C-alpha cells in the first residue's frame, strides 16, 4: 500500500483516507463484489471508513493522555569513606596523675590536641600515653615510655604497607572552675580557735585563707559553752566573752561583726552558732544561770544513783544545761536568736546543744508536772516508772513501763523549741536559714530528745523506747539546713554502721528530703583519710561542713586538693 507521498511504516491521515479515482467517496452502498464490508482489497466502503476514523481517534486519545515527562538527572553516587592507608592513629589518652586525659585526634591534619587544666601540668612532666592504631600499624617514639608532654610532642605512625603519617601533639589549656558548685563550710569552735581570731588582722587572714582553699562559708560559735557568755557585742542581756581558757578578746572587739564584714566582702556566707541549752561547767560557777533569777529556776535536775540532783552541783558533768521544757529557757532561746537576727547581717543561725543533757534529765518537779499534763495521767511511781537504778554506776539504769511516753514527750519539747526559734528568726529576717547540727546515729539521739528526722520518715522497728507515733516529734521540717555529724574514722563500706557511707544513707532515709542535708565530719579524727572524707561528703550531699578551724588550719593543702578533686569527679570541670 505504499503510494506516492507516503512514508513507509508511518501512519498518516493520507494512509487512513486514501484518495479515490472518482473523487469523493460515493454515498451509495458498496458493490456486491465486496459485500457489506466493502472491498477487502481497497478497504473502500462505509465499514472501512468507520474503521479508519476509529483508529485515528484512538491515536489522538493516546497522545492526549500521555503525561509529559521531564527527564531527571541521575543521582550521584555517595563518596566512599577512605581508609587512611592503614597508618591511622585512632585514639590517644595521656595520664596526668590520677586523671586520664582523652586527646582529640585529627588523622587528616595529623594533629593531636591534649586538653588539660593548670593543675594537670606538673603531672605531664613525665608521664605515659595509651594509643589505638590501625591494624598492623606501629608508632614511634613509644608512647608507653615516660615523656614530657607540657610543650608538645611528635609521633610517626607507620602502616603495614609502609605508608607514614606524622602527628604533632599540642596542649590546649582549659579554664579551671574557680569555686565549688556546692557549699563547703568550716565550723569554728570558740573554745579551740579563739586565739586565731582575736584581732581584725587574724580574722582577715582566716577568712582569706579559707576562701583560697575552697571554703565558701563559715559557721562561728558565738556563745561559749565554757564561759556562758557571747562573742558579739550587740546584746542587751548577755555578757561579752573576753576570755576562753588562756585566750583573750579585747572588750572593744566585736568578733561576730568582724566575721560578717570580712566574709561578705570575700563572697562567703557566715552563720552564727549558739549553744542554746548549755552553760559553763559547774567548776567555773559562772554564767547567766547563776545570777539570772528566771534561769535559776530552769536549771536541769538529773536522775543519778544517789537520787535527783541539781546539775549545777554535779562535779562530774562536762557542762550543765537548762531544762528545755521550762518556759524561762524557751524565752531565753527566742530572745537570743531574735537579737542575732536583728543586729547582724547573718546568712544563718545554727542551734547547737538544743537538747537535753542525756537520758537521765530532766527529772525536776516542773518536768514531772508538765509530763503528767501532756500524758493525761500521773506517774504513780516517780521516777521508777520512767527510769530506775540497780547499782551505784551511772550506767546501771533500766527503763520503766512509761518510758515510751516519756521519750516521746521530751522529743516533742525539743521539737517545740526548734519551731519557736525558727518562727522568731523568720519574723525578723526571713532570708536567714535555720541550721542544726546533731550526731548521725539517730537511734541513740532519743536519749537527748533529738528527733532530727522528718515526721514523714517511717519508724524503724525494734526500738523498745519508741512509741508507735514517735516520728510525729521530728523537727526536720522546721530546719533549712541539717548538719549530719558523721564523726567516725571509716569512710566507705556497709559492713558496719560506723562508716560514713552507712550513716549517710541512713541519714538521708531519716531526713526524707525535709530540709537541705550537709555531710559533716571532724578534721581532728585520728585515723581518718581526710581526702576520702572530703570527696565523699562533697559528692554525697547538697553541701559539706568540716569541723573545725583548729584542725583544718594544719592541713589547708589537703582540703584544697580534695575539694578540687571532688569538683572534678562531680563533672564541674568542663
Protein backbone atom coordinates (compact mmCIF):
# COMPACT_ATOMS: atom_id res chain seq x y z
CA UNK A 1 0.00 0.00 0.00
CA UNK A 2 2.92 2.37 -0.36
CA UNK A 3 1.63 5.14 -2.51
CA UNK A 4 3.27 8.28 -3.69
CA UNK A 5 3.85 10.82 -0.89
CA UNK A 6 3.72 8.27 1.97
CA UNK A 7 6.50 7.34 4.36
CA UNK A 8 6.92 3.64 4.73
CA UNK A 9 5.86 2.35 8.12
CA UNK A 10 4.41 5.70 9.26
CA UNK A 11 0.67 6.15 9.84
CA UNK A 12 -0.68 9.37 8.32
CA UNK A 13 -4.04 10.87 7.51
CA UNK A 14 -3.24 10.08 3.88
CA UNK A 15 -2.84 6.39 4.66
CA UNK A 16 -6.05 6.33 6.63
CA UNK A 17 -8.02 8.12 3.94
CA UNK A 18 -6.58 7.03 0.52
CA UNK A 19 -7.81 9.07 -2.46
CA UNK A 20 -10.35 7.59 -4.85
CA UNK A 21 -10.16 7.65 -8.57
CA UNK A 22 -13.58 9.26 -8.88
CA UNK A 23 -13.30 12.00 -6.24
CA UNK A 24 -15.28 11.82 -3.00
CA UNK A 25 -16.44 8.57 -1.62
CA UNK A 26 -19.78 7.50 -3.04
CA UNK A 27 -22.77 7.71 -0.76
CA UNK A 28 -24.28 4.58 -2.26
CA UNK A 29 -23.97 1.15 -0.59
CA UNK A 30 -20.96 -0.94 -1.51
CA UNK A 31 -20.96 -3.15 -4.59
CA UNK A 32 -21.76 -6.76 -4.36
CA UNK A 33 -18.26 -7.74 -5.25
CA UNK A 34 -17.06 -6.53 -1.85
CA UNK A 35 -20.15 -7.32 0.17
CA UNK A 36 -21.29 -5.21 3.06
CA UNK A 37 -17.76 -4.96 4.46
CA UNK A 38 -16.52 -3.27 1.29
CA UNK A 39 -13.74 -4.23 -0.93
CA UNK A 40 -11.21 -6.16 1.02
CA UNK A 41 -8.55 -5.25 -1.46
CA UNK A 42 -9.16 -1.50 -1.43
CA UNK A 43 -10.74 -1.03 2.02
CA UNK A 44 -13.38 1.16 0.47
CA UNK A 45 -16.96 1.39 1.59
CA UNK A 46 -18.67 2.59 4.84
CA UNK A 47 -17.27 -0.08 7.09
CA UNK A 48 -13.72 0.73 6.00
CA UNK A 49 -14.28 4.41 6.58
CA UNK A 50 -15.55 3.79 10.11
CA UNK A 51 -12.54 1.60 10.91
CA UNK A 52 -10.15 4.31 9.81
CA UNK A 53 -11.93 7.00 11.84
CA UNK A 54 -11.87 4.79 14.96
CA UNK A 55 -8.15 4.17 14.60
CA UNK A 56 -7.49 7.90 14.20
CA UNK A 57 -9.46 8.78 17.33
CA UNK A 58 -7.61 6.12 19.32
CA UNK A 59 -4.21 7.52 18.30
CA UNK A 60 -5.28 11.06 19.22
CA UNK A 61 -6.63 9.97 22.62
CA UNK A 62 -3.43 8.11 23.49
CA UNK A 63 -1.34 11.11 22.56
CA UNK A 64 -3.50 13.44 24.67
CA UNK A 65 -3.40 11.22 27.76
CA UNK A 66 0.35 10.55 27.81
CA UNK A 67 1.93 12.64 30.60
CA UNK A 68 4.77 14.96 29.82
CA UNK A 69 7.98 13.52 31.18
CA UNK A 70 10.75 15.83 32.45
CA UNK A 71 13.98 13.94 32.47
CA UNK A 72 15.70 13.93 35.97
CA UNK A 73 19.47 13.87 36.41
CA UNK A 74 20.77 10.58 37.65
CA UNK A 75 21.78 10.61 41.34
CA UNK A 76 25.46 10.92 42.03
CA UNK A 77 26.99 8.07 43.99
CA UNK A 78 27.89 8.76 47.66
CA UNK A 79 31.59 9.31 48.12
CA UNK A 80 33.20 6.33 49.73
CA UNK A 81 34.92 6.89 53.09
CA UNK A 82 38.58 6.37 52.63
CA UNK A 83 40.63 4.14 54.90
CA UNK A 84 43.72 6.21 55.53
CA UNK A 85 46.46 3.99 54.26
CA UNK A 86 46.48 1.72 57.31
CA UNK A 87 48.56 4.18 59.37
CA UNK A 88 45.75 5.95 61.27
CA UNK A 89 46.09 6.96 64.92
CA UNK A 90 42.57 6.20 66.08
CA UNK A 91 42.76 7.49 69.66
CA UNK A 92 45.20 8.62 72.34
CA UNK A 93 44.96 9.27 76.08
CA UNK A 94 47.60 10.67 78.42
CA UNK A 95 47.95 10.01 82.16
CA UNK A 96 48.03 13.11 84.37
CA UNK A 97 48.44 11.83 87.89
CA UNK A 98 45.21 10.03 88.77
CA UNK A 99 43.37 11.50 85.77
CA UNK A 100 43.27 10.17 82.20
CA UNK A 101 43.13 12.95 79.60
CA UNK A 102 41.46 11.98 76.33
CA UNK A 103 43.08 13.59 73.28
CA UNK A 104 41.37 14.95 70.18
CA UNK A 105 42.96 13.23 67.13
CA UNK A 106 42.61 14.53 63.56
CA UNK A 107 44.03 11.93 61.19
CA UNK A 108 43.75 14.06 58.06
CA UNK A 109 45.51 17.02 59.62
CA UNK A 110 47.96 14.89 61.58
CA UNK A 111 47.24 16.72 64.85
CA UNK A 112 46.71 15.63 68.44
CA UNK A 113 45.16 18.08 70.91
CA UNK A 114 45.73 17.30 74.59
CA UNK A 115 43.16 19.20 76.76
CA UNK A 116 44.50 19.88 80.26
CA UNK A 117 43.91 22.04 83.31
CA UNK A 118 46.62 24.03 85.01
CA UNK A 119 46.72 21.57 87.89
CA UNK A 120 47.49 18.77 85.38
CA UNK A 121 50.72 20.37 84.14
CA UNK A 122 53.01 19.09 86.90
CA UNK A 123 51.78 15.57 86.18
CA UNK A 124 52.50 15.95 82.45
CA UNK A 125 56.23 16.47 83.03
CA UNK A 126 56.97 12.76 82.91
CA UNK A 127 54.06 10.53 82.02
CA UNK A 128 52.84 7.91 79.59
CA UNK A 129 50.13 7.62 76.97
CA UNK A 130 47.91 4.90 75.57
CA UNK A 131 47.08 4.74 71.83
CA UNK A 132 44.85 2.80 69.44
CA UNK A 133 46.22 2.26 65.89
CA UNK A 134 45.07 0.80 62.60
CA UNK A 135 45.69 -2.93 62.23
CA UNK A 136 49.36 -3.68 61.75
CA UNK A 137 50.49 -0.06 62.32
CA UNK A 138 53.36 1.00 64.58
CA UNK A 139 54.20 4.27 66.33
CA UNK A 140 57.45 5.95 67.38
CA UNK A 141 58.52 7.10 69.86
CA UNK A 142 56.88 4.54 72.12
CA UNK A 143 54.05 6.38 73.98
CA UNK A 144 54.20 3.85 76.83
CA UNK A 145 57.57 5.32 77.81
CA UNK A 146 57.55 8.43 80.09
CA UNK A 147 57.66 11.71 78.22
CA UNK A 148 57.29 15.42 78.94
CA UNK A 149 54.05 16.47 77.24
CA UNK A 150 53.89 20.04 78.54
CA UNK A 151 55.50 21.58 75.45
CA UNK A 152 54.04 19.20 72.88
CA UNK A 153 55.34 16.10 71.12
CA UNK A 154 55.61 14.41 67.69
CA UNK A 155 54.89 10.85 66.64
CA UNK A 156 55.27 8.90 63.41
CA UNK A 157 52.74 6.20 62.63
CA UNK A 158 53.79 3.63 60.01
CA UNK A 159 51.23 1.41 58.34
CA UNK A 160 51.61 -2.22 57.37
CA UNK A 161 52.11 -1.08 53.75
CA UNK A 162 54.97 1.24 54.69
CA UNK A 163 52.96 4.46 54.46
CA UNK A 164 53.71 7.06 57.15
CA UNK A 165 51.89 9.87 58.89
CA UNK A 166 53.44 12.45 61.21
CA UNK A 167 51.29 13.56 64.16
CA UNK A 168 52.03 16.73 66.15
CA UNK A 169 50.71 16.96 69.72
CA UNK A 170 49.91 20.27 71.40
CA UNK A 171 48.43 21.07 74.83
CA UNK A 172 45.18 23.04 74.98
CA UNK A 173 44.74 24.75 78.35
CA UNK A 174 41.22 24.54 79.76
CA UNK A 175 39.68 27.07 82.12
CA UNK A 176 39.66 25.73 85.66
CA UNK A 177 36.44 26.42 87.62
CA UNK A 178 37.25 28.84 90.38
CA UNK A 179 34.70 27.89 93.02
CA UNK A 180 32.92 24.70 94.07
CA UNK A 181 29.31 24.47 92.97
CA UNK A 182 28.22 23.19 96.39
CA UNK A 183 28.60 24.92 99.77
CA UNK A 184 31.80 23.96 101.61
CA UNK A 185 31.57 25.27 105.16
CA UNK A 186 34.09 25.37 108.01
CA UNK A 187 32.85 25.36 111.60
CA UNK A 188 34.89 27.37 114.11
CA UNK A 189 34.73 26.27 117.73
CA UNK A 190 35.20 29.20 120.10
CA UNK A 191 36.90 27.14 122.80
CA UNK A 192 39.53 25.76 120.40
CA UNK A 193 40.13 28.59 117.98
CA UNK A 194 39.56 31.90 119.71
CA UNK A 195 43.30 32.60 119.68
CA UNK A 196 43.25 32.58 115.85
CA UNK A 197 40.50 35.21 115.69
CA UNK A 198 41.03 37.73 118.49
CA UNK A 199 42.23 40.60 116.26
CA UNK A 200 40.87 42.03 112.99
CA UNK A 201 44.08 41.02 111.21
CA UNK A 202 43.72 37.40 112.31
CA UNK A 203 40.08 37.31 111.22
CA UNK A 204 41.02 38.68 107.81
CA UNK A 205 43.75 36.04 107.43
CA UNK A 206 41.47 33.14 108.39
CA UNK A 207 38.70 34.25 106.01
CA UNK A 208 41.07 34.82 103.08
CA UNK A 209 42.91 31.54 103.65
CA UNK A 210 39.66 29.59 103.92
CA UNK A 211 38.42 31.14 100.67
CA UNK A 212 41.66 30.44 98.83
CA UNK A 213 41.49 26.79 99.84
CA UNK A 214 37.97 26.17 98.56
CA UNK A 215 35.71 27.02 101.51
CA UNK A 216 32.64 29.10 100.77
CA UNK A 217 31.21 29.65 104.25
CA UNK A 218 31.93 29.79 107.98
CA UNK A 219 29.85 28.78 110.98
CA UNK A 220 31.15 30.55 114.09
CA UNK A 221 30.38 29.57 117.67
CA UNK A 222 29.34 32.83 119.28
CA UNK A 223 28.15 31.53 122.63
CA UNK A 224 30.81 29.75 124.61
CA UNK A 225 29.70 26.60 126.42
CA UNK A 226 32.69 27.11 128.69
CA UNK A 227 32.04 30.64 129.89
CA UNK A 228 28.34 31.00 129.04
CA UNK A 229 28.99 34.44 127.55
CA UNK A 230 28.87 35.51 123.90
CA UNK A 231 31.36 36.66 121.28
CA UNK A 232 29.28 39.53 119.96
CA UNK A 233 28.87 42.98 121.40
CA UNK A 234 25.33 43.87 120.32
CA UNK A 235 23.35 42.18 123.09
CA UNK A 236 21.12 43.81 125.63
CA UNK A 237 21.06 40.88 128.05
CA UNK A 238 24.09 38.60 127.50
CA UNK A 239 27.63 39.18 128.80
CA UNK A 240 30.52 39.64 126.38
CA UNK A 241 33.10 36.88 126.40
CA UNK A 242 36.60 38.26 126.84
CA UNK A 243 38.40 35.11 127.98
CA UNK A 244 38.32 31.47 126.92
CA UNK A 245 41.00 29.47 128.67
CA UNK A 246 44.26 31.33 128.13
CA UNK A 247 42.91 33.27 125.11
CA UNK A 248 41.50 36.75 125.44
CA UNK A 249 39.47 39.11 123.27
CA UNK A 250 39.54 42.90 123.69
CA UNK A 251 36.32 44.27 125.13
CA UNK A 252 36.07 46.70 122.22
CA UNK A 253 36.37 43.96 119.56
CA UNK A 254 33.10 42.60 118.13
CA UNK A 255 34.29 39.30 116.69
CA UNK A 256 30.98 38.40 115.04
CA UNK A 257 30.69 41.77 113.29
CA UNK A 258 34.24 41.44 112.03
CA UNK A 259 33.46 38.00 110.62
CA UNK A 260 30.28 39.22 108.96
CA UNK A 261 32.12 42.09 107.27
CA UNK A 262 35.11 40.00 106.15
CA UNK A 263 33.09 37.01 104.95
CA UNK A 264 30.67 39.07 102.91
CA UNK A 265 33.46 41.14 101.40
CA UNK A 266 35.12 37.88 100.35
CA UNK A 267 31.91 36.40 98.96
CA UNK A 268 31.47 33.85 101.74
CA UNK A 269 28.45 33.06 103.89
CA UNK A 270 28.55 33.49 107.67
CA UNK A 271 26.35 31.72 110.21
CA UNK A 272 26.32 32.17 113.97
CA UNK A 273 26.11 29.04 116.11
CA UNK A 274 24.61 29.33 119.58
CA UNK A 275 24.78 26.75 122.36
CA UNK A 276 21.13 27.03 123.30
CA UNK A 277 20.84 24.98 126.48
CA UNK A 278 24.44 24.87 127.76
CA UNK A 279 26.04 26.94 130.45
CA UNK A 280 29.52 26.81 131.95
CA UNK A 281 30.99 23.80 133.57
CA UNK A 282 29.96 23.53 137.21
CA UNK A 283 33.59 24.01 138.24
CA UNK A 284 33.58 27.64 137.00
CA UNK A 285 30.40 28.74 138.81
CA UNK A 286 29.93 31.42 136.16
CA UNK A 287 27.22 32.15 133.66
CA UNK A 288 23.84 33.74 133.46
CA UNK A 289 22.01 30.96 135.24
CA UNK A 290 23.96 31.79 138.40
CA UNK A 291 22.73 35.37 138.55
CA UNK A 292 19.53 35.39 136.47
CA UNK A 293 16.57 34.65 138.70
CA UNK A 294 14.42 33.36 135.83
CA UNK A 295 17.07 30.96 134.58
CA UNK A 296 17.87 29.80 138.09
CA UNK A 297 14.52 28.05 138.22
CA UNK A 298 15.15 26.48 134.80
CA UNK A 299 18.20 24.51 135.91
CA UNK A 300 18.31 20.85 134.97
CA UNK A 301 17.84 18.11 137.57
CA UNK A 302 19.48 14.77 136.87
CA UNK A 303 18.41 11.33 138.00
CA UNK A 304 21.53 9.67 139.39
CA UNK A 305 22.02 6.51 141.51
CA UNK A 306 22.08 8.71 144.61
CA UNK A 307 18.83 10.43 143.66
CA UNK A 308 17.63 13.55 141.82
CA UNK A 309 20.28 16.30 141.95
CA UNK A 310 20.73 19.84 140.57
CA UNK A 311 23.14 19.61 137.61
CA UNK A 312 24.93 22.71 138.86
CA UNK A 313 26.24 20.64 141.73
CA UNK A 314 27.32 17.67 139.62
CA UNK A 315 31.11 17.71 139.70
CA UNK A 316 31.35 15.02 137.02
CA UNK A 317 29.30 16.93 134.45
CA UNK A 318 31.23 18.29 131.47
CA UNK A 319 28.81 21.20 131.40
CA UNK A 320 25.41 21.96 132.80
CA UNK A 321 22.27 22.67 130.86
CA UNK A 322 18.95 24.38 131.18
CA UNK A 323 15.69 22.47 131.28
CA UNK A 324 14.28 22.66 127.71
CA UNK A 325 10.73 22.24 128.97
CA UNK A 326 10.82 25.30 131.22
CA UNK A 327 9.24 28.47 129.75
CA UNK A 328 12.16 30.59 131.02
CA UNK A 329 14.51 28.50 128.86
CA UNK A 330 12.34 28.90 125.79
CA UNK A 331 12.05 32.66 126.33
CA UNK A 332 15.82 32.87 126.71
CA UNK A 333 16.45 30.96 123.46
CA UNK A 334 13.97 33.03 121.48
CA UNK A 335 15.41 36.31 122.78
CA UNK A 336 18.94 35.21 121.89
CA UNK A 337 18.24 34.18 118.27
CA UNK A 338 15.99 37.19 117.72
CA UNK A 339 18.64 39.73 118.66
CA UNK A 340 21.20 37.95 116.49
CA UNK A 341 18.86 38.11 113.51
CA UNK A 342 18.08 41.74 114.21
CA UNK A 343 21.59 43.06 114.93
CA UNK A 344 23.78 41.14 112.45
CA UNK A 345 23.58 40.54 108.71
CA UNK A 346 23.76 36.77 109.04
CA UNK A 347 23.15 34.11 106.42
CA UNK A 348 22.26 31.50 109.02
CA UNK A 349 21.77 30.78 112.70
CA UNK A 350 22.72 27.29 113.90
CA UNK A 351 21.21 25.73 117.01
CA UNK A 352 23.82 23.74 118.89
CA UNK A 353 23.19 21.83 122.11
CA UNK A 354 19.50 22.41 121.61
CA UNK A 355 18.63 19.27 123.53
CA UNK A 356 18.57 17.52 126.89
CA UNK A 357 21.80 16.69 128.69
CA UNK A 358 21.18 12.93 128.42
CA UNK A 359 18.56 10.30 129.21
CA UNK A 360 18.93 10.99 132.97
CA UNK A 361 17.45 14.50 132.70
CA UNK A 362 15.29 16.39 133.35
CA UNK A 363 13.63 14.99 136.47
CA UNK A 364 12.66 18.28 138.07
CA UNK A 365 9.26 18.77 139.66
CA UNK A 366 8.39 21.08 136.80
CA UNK A 367 9.11 18.41 134.16
CA UNK A 368 7.11 15.83 136.08
CA UNK A 369 4.14 18.15 136.21
CA UNK A 370 4.34 19.01 132.52
CA UNK A 371 4.66 15.36 131.53
CA UNK A 372 1.63 14.37 133.55
CA UNK A 373 -0.40 17.14 131.91
CA UNK A 374 0.76 16.06 128.47
CA UNK A 375 0.10 12.34 129.04
CA UNK A 376 -3.14 12.85 130.92
CA UNK A 377 -2.20 10.58 133.83
CA UNK A 378 0.02 10.88 136.93
CA UNK A 379 3.24 8.96 137.38
CA UNK A 380 2.43 6.74 140.32
CA UNK A 381 5.96 5.52 140.99
CA UNK A 382 8.21 8.51 140.34
CA UNK A 383 10.78 8.21 138.89
CA UNK A 384 10.89 4.39 138.75
CA UNK A 385 8.08 4.18 136.20
CA UNK A 386 10.47 6.06 133.92
CA UNK A 387 13.99 5.00 134.94
CA UNK A 388 15.38 3.12 137.93
CA UNK A 389 18.87 2.11 139.05
CA UNK A 390 20.09 -1.31 140.09
CA UNK A 391 23.54 -0.24 141.30
CA UNK A 392 25.82 2.68 142.02
CA UNK A 393 27.08 3.09 138.47
CA UNK A 394 25.51 5.83 136.40
CA UNK A 395 25.00 3.31 133.61
CA UNK A 396 23.19 0.77 135.77
CA UNK A 397 19.74 2.08 134.90
CA UNK A 398 16.80 0.36 133.26
CA UNK A 399 13.59 1.63 131.68
CA UNK A 400 10.22 1.53 133.39
CA UNK A 401 6.74 0.93 131.96
CA UNK A 402 6.19 4.56 130.91
CA UNK A 403 9.49 5.12 129.15
CA UNK A 404 7.93 5.33 125.67
CA UNK A 405 5.61 8.15 126.70
CA UNK A 406 8.46 9.94 128.48
CA UNK A 407 10.78 9.72 125.48
CA UNK A 408 8.11 10.97 123.11
CA UNK A 409 7.22 13.89 125.39
CA UNK A 410 10.86 15.01 125.71
CA UNK A 411 11.29 14.88 121.92
CA UNK A 412 8.14 16.94 121.47
CA UNK A 413 9.64 19.54 123.83
CA UNK A 414 12.76 19.93 121.67
CA UNK A 415 10.59 20.00 118.56
CA UNK A 416 8.70 22.91 120.08
CA UNK A 417 11.88 24.84 120.91
CA UNK A 418 13.18 24.42 117.36
CA UNK A 419 9.90 25.59 115.87
CA UNK A 420 9.74 28.62 118.16
CA UNK A 421 13.31 29.62 117.27
CA UNK A 422 12.52 29.29 113.58
CA UNK A 423 9.41 31.45 113.91
CA UNK A 424 11.35 34.09 115.84
CA UNK A 425 14.18 34.26 113.30
CA UNK A 426 11.91 34.35 110.25
CA UNK A 427 9.82 37.08 111.84
CA UNK A 428 12.91 39.32 111.92
CA UNK A 429 14.58 38.29 108.66
CA UNK A 430 13.04 35.52 106.55
CA UNK A 431 16.19 35.00 104.47
CA UNK A 432 18.22 33.75 107.46
CA UNK A 433 18.50 29.98 107.35
CA UNK A 434 17.87 27.94 110.48
CA UNK A 435 20.58 25.30 110.86
CA UNK A 436 21.05 22.44 113.29
CA UNK A 437 23.88 20.00 113.98
CA UNK A 438 23.47 16.57 115.56
CA UNK A 439 25.10 13.18 115.62
CA UNK A 440 24.17 10.96 112.67
CA UNK A 441 23.39 7.91 114.84
CA UNK A 442 19.75 8.79 115.19
CA UNK A 443 18.95 5.58 117.07
CA UNK A 444 20.78 6.96 120.13
CA UNK A 445 19.65 10.60 119.88
CA UNK A 446 16.36 9.84 121.63
CA UNK A 447 18.28 9.96 124.92
CA UNK A 448 18.81 13.69 124.35
CA UNK A 449 15.35 14.36 122.93
CA UNK A 450 16.79 14.93 119.45
CA UNK A 451 14.45 13.52 116.84
CA UNK A 452 16.11 15.31 113.95
CA UNK A 453 14.27 13.16 111.42
CA UNK A 454 11.33 14.07 109.22
CA UNK A 455 7.84 13.49 110.52
CA UNK A 456 7.20 11.67 107.22
CA UNK A 457 10.02 9.16 107.65
CA UNK A 458 8.93 5.63 108.59
CA UNK A 459 9.58 4.47 112.14
CA UNK A 460 12.14 1.64 112.21
CA UNK A 461 11.09 -1.42 114.14
CA UNK A 462 12.78 -2.99 117.13
CA UNK A 463 13.34 0.06 119.39
CA UNK A 464 12.00 -0.66 122.87
CA UNK A 465 11.97 3.01 123.78
CA UNK A 466 9.89 4.21 120.83
CA UNK A 467 6.15 4.81 120.77
CA UNK A 468 4.43 3.84 117.52
CA UNK A 469 3.89 7.50 116.65
CA UNK A 470 7.32 8.72 117.78
CA UNK A 471 8.08 10.13 114.31
CA UNK A 472 5.45 12.83 114.86
CA UNK A 473 8.04 14.56 117.08
CA UNK A 474 10.53 15.01 114.22
CA UNK A 475 11.74 18.55 113.61
CA UNK A 476 13.47 18.33 110.20
CA UNK A 477 10.54 20.17 108.63
CA UNK A 478 11.39 23.26 110.70
CA UNK A 479 15.03 23.40 109.52
CA UNK A 480 16.60 24.88 106.42
CA UNK A 481 19.90 23.02 106.82
CA UNK A 482 20.75 19.96 108.89
CA UNK A 483 24.42 19.14 109.51
CA UNK A 484 24.66 15.34 109.69
CA UNK A 485 27.53 14.69 112.09
CA UNK A 486 29.38 11.59 110.87
CA UNK A 487 32.30 11.73 113.28
CA UNK A 488 33.76 8.30 112.55
CA UNK A 489 37.13 7.22 111.16
CA UNK A 490 36.00 4.95 108.31
CA UNK A 491 34.59 6.41 105.10
CA UNK A 492 33.41 3.56 102.92
CA UNK A 493 31.52 0.33 103.49
CA UNK A 494 28.21 -1.05 104.71
CA UNK A 495 29.61 -3.86 106.80
CA UNK A 496 29.36 -1.67 109.90
CA UNK A 497 27.00 1.08 110.97
CA UNK A 498 30.06 3.14 111.95
CA UNK A 499 31.07 4.21 108.44
CA UNK A 500 30.27 7.47 106.68
CA UNK A 501 28.73 5.60 103.79
CA UNK A 502 26.32 3.74 106.07
CA UNK A 503 25.49 6.82 108.14
CA UNK A 504 24.96 8.99 105.05
CA UNK A 505 22.46 6.54 103.61
CA UNK A 506 20.74 6.19 106.98
CA UNK A 507 20.63 9.96 107.44
CA UNK A 508 19.01 10.50 104.05
CA UNK A 509 16.33 7.96 104.92
CA UNK A 510 15.59 9.67 108.24
CA UNK A 511 15.62 13.16 106.71
CA UNK A 512 13.34 12.08 103.83
CA UNK A 513 14.04 15.29 101.91
CA UNK A 514 12.52 17.53 104.60
CA UNK A 515 15.42 20.01 104.52
CA UNK A 516 18.83 20.55 102.95
CA UNK A 517 21.31 17.95 104.17
CA UNK A 518 25.01 18.75 104.72
CA UNK A 519 27.53 16.00 105.39
CA UNK A 520 29.83 16.76 108.32
CA UNK A 521 32.98 15.20 109.75
CA UNK A 522 35.68 16.01 112.29
CA UNK A 523 39.05 17.18 110.99
CA UNK A 524 40.55 16.06 114.29
CA UNK A 525 39.58 12.38 113.88
CA UNK A 526 42.58 10.10 114.31
CA UNK A 527 42.93 7.53 111.53
CA UNK A 528 40.51 9.26 109.15
CA UNK A 529 41.53 9.67 105.50
CA UNK A 530 40.71 13.36 105.15
CA UNK A 531 40.91 13.29 101.35
CA UNK A 532 38.41 10.44 101.08
CA UNK A 533 36.16 12.02 103.71
CA UNK A 534 36.12 15.35 101.88
CA UNK A 535 35.39 13.79 98.50
CA UNK A 536 32.70 11.51 99.89
CA UNK A 537 30.87 14.27 101.75
CA UNK A 538 31.05 16.69 98.84
CA UNK A 539 29.69 14.15 96.37
CA UNK A 540 27.06 12.62 98.67
CA UNK A 541 25.27 15.71 99.97
CA UNK A 542 23.94 19.10 98.94
CA UNK A 543 26.69 20.73 100.97
CA UNK A 544 29.50 19.89 103.37
CA UNK A 545 30.72 21.11 106.76
CA UNK A 546 34.14 20.35 108.26
CA UNK A 547 34.75 20.73 112.00
CA UNK A 548 36.83 22.72 112.81
CA UNK A 549 39.37 25.51 112.16
CA UNK A 550 41.89 24.41 114.81
CA UNK A 551 42.47 21.13 112.92
CA UNK A 552 41.78 22.32 109.37
CA UNK A 553 44.43 25.02 109.51
CA UNK A 554 47.15 22.37 109.79
CA UNK A 555 46.03 20.72 106.53
CA UNK A 556 44.86 23.52 104.23
CA UNK A 557 46.56 21.94 101.22
CA UNK A 558 44.95 18.54 101.78
CA UNK A 559 41.48 20.01 101.84
CA UNK A 560 42.08 22.27 98.85
CA UNK A 561 43.29 19.35 96.74
CA UNK A 562 40.45 17.11 97.93
CA UNK A 563 37.80 19.74 97.20
CA UNK A 564 39.20 20.24 93.67
CA UNK A 565 39.18 16.50 93.08
CA UNK A 566 35.60 16.22 94.32
CA UNK A 567 34.56 19.03 91.97
CA UNK A 568 36.21 17.25 89.05
CA UNK A 569 34.58 13.93 89.87
CA UNK A 570 31.23 15.70 90.06
CA UNK A 571 31.66 16.96 86.50
CA UNK A 572 32.15 20.60 87.46
CA UNK A 573 35.25 20.69 85.23
CA UNK A 574 34.03 21.18 81.66
